[in-house]
Amino acid sequence: MGFKLIQSTENLWKNNKATKFSSGFYIYSESNNNTFENNEVYDHSDSGFLVSSSDFNVIRNNEVHDDLFMSGDGIHLLSGSYGNKIVNNTFTKMGHGIYLRNTLYNNINNNNITNNDYGIYTHLGVINNTISENDIYANYNDFDGHDW
């Protein structure tokens, strides 16, 4: 892990770089109300940002690119993560630009999602998320999943 948050609240993570880790930012177990901005994650093997069981985080103006095996995710929201804002990020050259699983009421907008196997992928229990005004192009599949 590059940066690991467990039950960590109201922090600002700004202008960091994470490279050659499984995940750049691992946000887990009620790590709520944090802000991540202007960070760069590259050469990772799993997820640039992995958000699990964590709510009301803001992830904005970050760049996640060049996952090592083209099988990881730019951002992976899972396990009931609620009310997160994913805004103005760039996700390129990965398995999934954005992967949503068992999440609700998240806002995903104004992101640039290009040159991935899947632009946005949803899987099981993706409920009432707002996905709008994203630039999604040049992916093998722009949208795919079980909940569209």
Protein backbone atom coordinates (compact mmCIF):
# COMPACT_ATOMS: atom_id res chain seq x y z
CA MET A 1 0.00 0.00 0.00
CA GLY A 2 1.13 3.50 -0.69
CA PHE A 3 -1.09 5.35 1.83
CA LYS A 4 -3.41 3.37 4.11
CA LEU A 5 -6.27 4.92 6.10
CA ILE A 6 -8.20 2.88 8.66
CA GLN A 7 -10.86 4.70 10.70
CA SER A 8 -9.20 7.96 9.76
CA THR A 9 -11.40 11.06 9.57
CA GLU A 10 -11.24 14.64 8.26
CA ASN A 11 -7.76 14.62 6.73
CA LEU A 12 -6.41 16.40 3.66
CA TRP A 13 -4.14 14.35 1.38
CA LYS A 14 -2.69 16.74 -1.18
CA ASN A 15 0.17 16.76 -3.73
CA ASN A 16 1.39 13.21 -3.02
CA LYS A 17 2.79 10.59 -5.40
CA ALA A 18 2.41 6.84 -4.99
CA THR A 19 4.17 4.49 -7.37
CA LYS A 20 4.93 0.77 -7.53
CA PHE A 21 2.43 -0.25 -4.82
CA SER A 22 -0.58 -2.56 -5.02
CA SER A 23 -2.86 0.41 -4.18
CA GLY A 24 -1.90 4.07 -4.06
CA PHE A 25 -4.55 5.03 -1.48
CA TYR A 26 -6.34 2.37 0.58
CA ILE A 27 -9.29 4.06 2.31
CA TYR A 28 -10.93 1.54 4.59
CA SER A 29 -13.18 0.89 7.61
CA GLU A 30 -15.03 4.10 8.33
CA SER A 31 -12.39 6.47 6.99
CA ASN A 32 -14.88 9.27 6.45
CA ASN A 33 -14.86 12.94 5.40
CA ASN A 34 -11.33 12.96 3.98
CA THR A 35 -10.19 14.98 0.96
CA PHE A 36 -7.71 13.72 -1.63
CA GLU A 37 -6.58 16.26 -4.21
CA ASN A 38 -3.80 16.79 -6.71
CA ASN A 39 -2.26 13.36 -6.06
CA GLU A 40 -0.69 11.10 -8.67
CA VAL A 41 -0.74 7.30 -8.63
CA TYR A 42 1.01 5.21 -11.29
CA ASP A 43 2.66 1.84 -11.85
CA HIS A 44 0.27 0.23 -9.34
CA SER A 45 -0.97 -3.37 -9.54
CA ASP A 46 -4.45 -3.13 -7.94
CA SER A 47 -6.22 0.22 -7.47
CA GLY A 48 -5.14 3.82 -7.54
CA PHE A 49 -7.82 4.52 -4.91
CA LEU A 50 -9.56 1.66 -3.10
CA VAL A 51 -12.50 2.95 -1.02
CA SER A 52 -14.20 0.35 1.18
CA SER A 53 -16.82 0.95 3.89
CA SER A 54 -15.95 4.66 3.93
CA ASP A 55 -18.28 7.61 3.39
CA PHE A 56 -18.37 11.28 2.36
CA ASN A 57 -14.83 11.45 1.00
CA VAL A 58 -13.89 13.88 -1.77
CA ILE A 59 -11.47 12.61 -4.42
CA ARG A 60 -10.72 15.43 -6.85
CA ASN A 61 -8.11 16.61 -9.32
CA ASN A 62 -6.03 13.42 -9.09
CA GLU A 63 -4.26 11.55 -11.85
CA VAL A 64 -4.17 7.74 -11.87
CA HIS A 65 -2.45 6.08 -14.79
CA ASP A 66 -0.40 3.19 -16.14
CA ASP A 67 -1.35 0.26 -13.95
CA LEU A 68 1.31 -2.40 -14.24
CA PHE A 69 -0.80 -5.22 -15.67
CA MET A 70 -3.76 -3.36 -17.27
CA SER A 71 -6.01 -5.21 -14.81
CA GLY A 72 -6.29 -2.79 -11.87
CA ASP A 73 -8.67 0.10 -11.25
CA GLY A 74 -8.29 3.85 -11.21
CA ILE A 75 -10.76 3.93 -8.37
CA HIS A 76 -12.68 1.05 -6.82
CA LEU A 77 -15.64 1.93 -4.58
CA LEU A 78 -17.10 -1.03 -2.70
CA SER A 79 -18.74 -2.40 0.44
CA GLY A 80 -21.45 0.18 1.02
CA SER A 81 -19.29 3.25 0.48
CA TYR A 82 -21.78 6.11 0.59
CA GLY A 83 -21.88 9.75 -0.44
CA ASN A 84 -18.37 10.03 -1.89
CA LYS A 85 -17.55 12.63 -4.55
CA ILE A 86 -15.25 11.62 -7.41
CA VAL A 87 -14.65 14.82 -9.39
CA ASN A 88 -12.20 16.13 -12.03
CA ASN A 89 -9.85 13.15 -11.99
CA THR A 90 -7.98 11.46 -14.83
CA PHE A 91 -8.01 7.66 -15.07
CA THR A 92 -6.04 6.18 -17.96
CA LYS A 93 -4.35 2.91 -19.05
CA MET A 94 -5.91 0.47 -16.56
CA GLY A 95 -8.32 -2.45 -16.42
CA HIS A 96 -11.20 -0.29 -15.12
CA GLY A 97 -11.16 3.48 -14.97
CA ILE A 98 -13.89 3.39 -12.30
CA TYR A 99 -15.24 0.21 -10.71
CA LEU A 100 -18.37 0.38 -8.53
CA ARG A 101 -19.56 -2.54 -6.38
CA ASN A 102 -22.17 -2.37 -3.60
CA THR A 103 -22.15 1.43 -3.39
CA LEU A 104 -24.85 4.04 -3.11
CA TYR A 105 -25.42 7.78 -3.42
CA ASN A 106 -21.97 8.63 -4.75
CA ASN A 107 -21.38 11.47 -7.23
CA ILE A 108 -19.02 10.78 -10.11
CA ASN A 109 -18.64 13.69 -12.47
CA ASN A 110 -16.30 15.65 -14.72
CA ASN A 111 -13.68 12.88 -14.86
CA ASN A 112 -11.53 12.01 -17.86
CA ILE A 113 -11.60 8.22 -18.35
CA THR A 114 -9.59 7.03 -21.37
CA ASN A 115 -7.59 4.12 -22.77
CA ASN A 116 -8.76 1.51 -20.23
CA ASP A 117 -10.25 -1.93 -20.80
CA TYR A 118 -13.47 -0.62 -19.18
CA GLY A 119 -14.29 3.05 -18.65
CA ILE A 120 -16.90 2.57 -15.91
CA TYR A 121 -17.83 -0.88 -14.65
CA THR A 122 -20.62 -1.62 -12.18
CA HIS A 123 -21.14 -4.88 -10.32
CA LEU A 124 -23.83 -5.85 -7.80
CA GLY A 125 -25.73 -3.42 -5.61
CA VAL A 126 -24.87 -0.14 -7.29
CA ILE A 127 -27.79 2.07 -6.20
CA ASN A 128 -28.65 5.76 -6.73
CA ASN A 129 -25.21 6.91 -7.79
CA THR A 130 -25.01 10.01 -9.99
CA ILE A 131 -22.66 9.60 -12.94
CA SER A 132 -22.60 12.70 -15.13
CA GLU A 133 -20.51 14.91 -17.40
CA ASN A 134 -17.55 12.53 -17.61
CA ASP A 135 -15.35 12.31 -20.71
CA ILE A 136 -15.29 8.57 -21.42
CA TYR A 137 -13.64 7.53 -24.66
CA ALA A 138 -11.06 5.26 -26.32
CA ASN A 139 -11.75 2.46 -23.83
CA TYR A 140 -12.27 -1.09 -25.03
CA ASN A 141 -15.73 -0.91 -23.34
CA ASP A 142 -16.89 2.53 -22.21
CA PHE A 143 -19.69 1.23 -19.93
CA ASP A 144 -20.30 -2.30 -18.72
CA GLY A 145 -21.62 -4.14 -15.74
CA HIS A 146 -24.58 -5.75 -14.08
CA ASP A 147 -26.47 -2.63 -13.00
CA TRP A 148 -26.83 -0.46 -16.11
